[in-house]
N, C-alpha and C. Protein backbone atom coordinates (compact mmCIF):
# COMPACT_ATOMS: atom_id res chain seq x y z
N MET A 1 0.99 -1.59 0.11
CA MET A 1 -0.04 0.10 -0.11
C MET A 1 1.31 1.30 0.28
N THR A 2 0.39 2.16 -0.56
CA THR A 2 1.39 3.46 -0.92
C THR A 2 0.68 4.65 -0.17
N ALA A 3 1.40 5.27 0.24
CA ALA A 3 0.78 6.27 1.55
C ALA A 3 0.97 7.44 0.60
N SER A 4 -0.22 8.23 1.29
CA SER A 4 -0.84 9.35 0.15
C SER A 4 0.46 10.12 0.38
N PRO A 5 0.66 11.01 -0.03
CA PRO A 5 1.31 12.81 0.37
C PRO A 5 0.84 13.46 1.08
N LYS A 6 2.22 13.93 1.40
CA LYS A 6 1.03 15.32 2.44
C LYS A 6 1.01 16.37 1.54
N ASN A 7 -0.40 16.60 2.12
CA ASN A 7 -0.31 18.40 1.75
C ASN A 7 0.73 19.46 2.24
N THR A 8 1.50 19.87 1.00
CA THR A 8 2.59 20.98 1.88
C THR A 8 2.34 22.40 1.34
N THR A 9 1.52 22.81 0.89
CA THR A 9 1.15 23.97 0.91
C THR A 9 0.72 24.52 1.82
N THR A 10 1.23 25.94 2.21
CA THR A 10 1.58 26.75 3.61
C THR A 10 -0.02 27.56 3.32
N LYS A 11 -1.16 27.04 4.53
CA LYS A 11 -1.82 28.09 4.76
C LYS A 11 -1.68 29.35 5.17
N LYS A 12 -2.04 30.40 4.74
CA LYS A 12 -1.86 32.16 5.57
C LYS A 12 -3.13 32.19 5.38
N PHE A 13 -3.48 33.36 6.72
CA PHE A 13 -4.38 34.95 6.09
C PHE A 13 -3.52 36.13 6.54
N THR A 14 -4.25 37.09 6.28
CA THR A 14 -3.27 38.15 6.96
C THR A 14 -5.04 39.18 7.78
N THR A 15 -4.06 39.62 8.99
CA THR A 15 -5.66 40.34 9.65
C THR A 15 -5.63 41.54 9.00
N LEU A 16 -6.57 42.50 9.49
CA LEU A 16 -6.54 43.87 8.84
C LEU A 16 -5.88 44.80 9.85
N CYS A 17 -5.59 44.29 10.75
CA CYS A 17 -4.37 44.81 11.29
C CYS A 17 -2.68 45.08 11.11
N GLY A 18 -2.37 44.26 9.98
CA GLY A 18 -1.52 43.50 9.29
C GLY A 18 -0.70 42.56 9.81
N ARG A 19 -0.92 41.25 10.63
CA ARG A 19 -0.35 40.47 10.82
C ARG A 19 -0.79 39.40 9.76
N THR A 20 0.70 39.04 9.48
CA THR A 20 0.08 37.74 8.30
C THR A 20 0.19 36.45 9.48
N LEU A 21 -0.71 35.46 9.57
CA LEU A 21 -0.51 33.88 10.21
C LEU A 21 -0.38 32.91 9.29
N TYR A 22 0.40 31.87 9.23
CA TYR A 22 0.94 30.71 8.70
C TYR A 22 0.45 29.77 9.58
N GLU A 23 -0.50 28.91 8.71
CA GLU A 23 -1.00 27.09 9.23
C GLU A 23 -1.67 27.27 10.40
N THR A 24 -3.03 28.68 10.47
CA THR A 24 -3.68 28.88 11.34
C THR A 24 -4.79 28.94 10.65
N ASP A 25 -5.57 28.95 11.69
CA ASP A 25 -7.19 28.57 11.19
C ASP A 25 -7.44 29.31 11.80
N PRO A 26 -7.93 30.40 11.36
CA PRO A 26 -8.81 31.60 11.10
C PRO A 26 -10.17 31.56 12.14
N GLN A 27 -10.92 30.44 12.11
CA GLN A 27 -11.95 30.54 13.19
C GLN A 27 -12.33 30.98 14.28
N TYR A 28 -10.17 30.92 15.16
CA TYR A 28 -10.08 30.79 16.19
C TYR A 28 -9.62 32.62 16.96
N PHE A 29 -9.84 33.65 15.61
CA PHE A 29 -9.28 34.56 15.95
C PHE A 29 -10.68 35.84 15.55
N PRO A 30 -10.69 36.70 16.40
CA PRO A 30 -11.15 38.15 16.59
C PRO A 30 -12.41 38.43 14.66
N ARG A 31 -13.24 38.70 15.06
CA ARG A 31 -13.64 39.19 13.41
C ARG A 31 -15.03 39.74 13.77
N ALA A 32 -15.08 41.10 12.99
CA ALA A 32 -16.04 41.43 12.45
C ALA A 32 -16.56 41.57 11.37
N GLN A 33 -18.20 41.85 11.16
CA GLN A 33 -18.89 41.80 9.76
C GLN A 33 -18.59 43.62 9.30
N TYR A 34 -17.92 44.27 8.51
CA TYR A 34 -18.22 45.29 7.99
C TYR A 34 -18.26 45.63 5.96
N ARG A 35 -19.10 46.33 5.69
CA ARG A 35 -19.14 46.66 4.73
C ARG A 35 -19.64 45.24 4.03
N GLY A 36 -20.10 44.11 4.46
CA GLY A 36 -20.41 42.82 3.86
C GLY A 36 -19.35 42.46 3.47
N ARG A 37 -18.36 42.25 4.08
CA ARG A 37 -17.82 40.92 4.65
C ARG A 37 -16.90 40.86 6.07
N THR A 38 -16.22 39.30 6.19
CA THR A 38 -15.85 39.20 7.60
C THR A 38 -14.40 40.08 7.66
N ILE A 39 -14.09 40.79 8.45
CA ILE A 39 -12.48 40.99 8.66
C ILE A 39 -12.06 40.14 10.23
N TYR A 40 -10.72 39.76 10.00
CA TYR A 40 -10.28 38.96 11.38
C TYR A 40 -8.80 40.47 11.79
N PHE A 41 -9.04 39.81 13.07
CA PHE A 41 -8.12 40.87 13.46
C PHE A 41 -7.22 39.66 14.49
N CYS A 42 -6.19 40.72 14.80
CA CYS A 42 -4.64 39.36 15.60
C CYS A 42 -5.36 39.37 16.79
N THR A 43 -5.76 40.55 17.51
CA THR A 43 -5.99 40.20 19.07
C THR A 43 -7.66 40.87 18.80
N GLU A 44 -7.73 40.70 20.62
CA GLU A 44 -8.99 41.50 21.38
C GLU A 44 -8.75 42.87 20.71
N SER A 45 -8.14 42.90 21.34
CA SER A 45 -7.34 44.68 21.20
C SER A 45 -8.23 45.49 20.10
N CYS A 46 -7.39 44.28 18.90
CA CYS A 46 -7.61 45.17 17.80
C CYS A 46 -9.20 45.78 17.14
N LEU A 47 -9.63 44.56 17.94
CA LEU A 47 -11.33 44.51 17.46
C LEU A 47 -12.00 45.28 18.29
N GLY A 48 -11.77 45.91 19.51
CA GLY A 48 -12.19 46.86 20.12
C GLY A 48 -11.78 47.94 19.34
N ALA A 49 -10.94 48.14 19.05
CA ALA A 49 -10.24 49.34 18.32
C ALA A 49 -11.35 49.93 17.08
N PHE A 50 -11.48 48.62 16.43
CA PHE A 50 -12.35 48.77 15.50
C PHE A 50 -13.49 49.48 15.74
N LEU A 51 -14.14 48.45 16.83
CA LEU A 51 -15.56 48.51 17.04
C LEU A 51 -15.87 50.03 17.69
N ALA A 52 -14.36 50.68 18.34
CA ALA A 52 -14.79 52.33 18.83
C ALA A 52 -15.41 52.88 17.23
N ASP A 53 -14.40 52.74 16.85
CA ASP A 53 -14.46 53.28 15.39
C ASP A 53 -14.10 53.20 14.04
N PRO A 54 -14.98 52.10 13.22
CA PRO A 54 -14.67 50.90 12.42
C PRO A 54 -14.26 51.67 11.22
N GLU A 55 -14.76 52.79 11.02
CA GLU A 55 -14.28 54.04 9.55
C GLU A 55 -12.72 54.25 9.93
N ILE A 56 -12.67 54.98 10.82
CA ILE A 56 -11.16 55.67 11.34
C ILE A 56 -10.18 54.39 10.72
N PHE A 57 -10.51 53.39 11.37
CA PHE A 57 -9.16 51.97 12.10
C PHE A 57 -9.39 51.13 10.43
N TYR A 58 -10.24 51.09 9.98
CA TYR A 58 -10.01 50.49 8.44
C TYR A 58 -9.61 51.79 7.75
N LYS A 59 -9.97 52.87 7.69
CA LYS A 59 -8.88 53.54 6.86
C LYS A 59 -7.72 53.56 7.17
N VAL A 60 -7.36 53.52 8.12
CA VAL A 60 -5.79 53.85 9.08
C VAL A 60 -5.03 52.76 8.41
N HIS A 61 -6.11 51.61 8.45
CA HIS A 61 -4.76 49.91 8.40
C HIS A 61 -5.43 49.39 6.99
N ARG A 62 -5.63 49.90 6.52
CA ARG A 62 -6.18 49.39 4.70
C ARG A 62 -4.31 50.36 4.20
N LYS A 63 -4.93 52.04 4.36
CA LYS A 63 -4.12 52.53 3.88
C LYS A 63 -1.96 52.27 4.68
N LEU A 64 -1.56 51.54 5.35
CA LEU A 64 -1.00 51.31 5.87
C LEU A 64 -0.25 49.98 5.19
N LYS A 65 -0.96 49.21 5.07
CA LYS A 65 -1.32 47.85 3.97
C LYS A 65 -0.98 47.98 2.74
N ASN A 66 -1.26 49.26 2.24
CA ASN A 66 -1.03 49.39 0.33
C ASN A 66 0.39 49.74 0.69
N ASP A 67 1.24 50.95 1.61
CA ASP A 67 1.91 52.00 1.53
C ASP A 67 3.39 50.22 1.43
N LYS A 68 4.10 50.79 0.65
CA LYS A 68 5.09 50.28 0.05
C LYS A 68 6.25 50.47 0.50
N PRO A 69 7.44 49.77 1.64
CA PRO A 69 8.04 49.72 1.91
C PRO A 69 9.39 50.85 1.14
N GLN A 70 10.25 51.91 1.94
CA GLN A 70 11.14 52.62 1.38
C GLN A 70 11.93 51.19 1.35
N PRO A 71 12.49 51.27 -0.10
CA PRO A 71 14.00 50.33 -0.71
C PRO A 71 15.05 50.92 0.62
N VAL A 72 15.82 50.42 1.38
CA VAL A 72 16.67 50.17 2.32
C VAL A 72 18.50 50.44 1.15
N GLU A 73 19.23 51.64 1.86
CA GLU A 73 20.35 51.50 1.39
C GLU A 73 21.23 51.06 1.84
N HIS A 74 22.38 49.98 1.35
CA HIS A 74 23.11 49.30 2.64
C HIS A 74 24.50 50.45 1.54
N ARG A 75 25.50 50.61 3.05
CA ARG A 75 26.58 51.04 2.52
C ARG A 75 28.10 50.52 2.66
């Protein structure tokens, strides 16, 4: 009998607050519905900040996520 190959694909997801989590099940993380989508957070603190003012939290964190890092010059 031949052993079946292991699934080697890495599962990952990124929270709105910017953390990328690998090999993690998002069902265990805080989440909220916003604009018809489920948004995940890395901690209850981030969820609390979001719930205090969803519009501002969303705008700030989406902007940070879309900013490209500046190249570092090595000397």
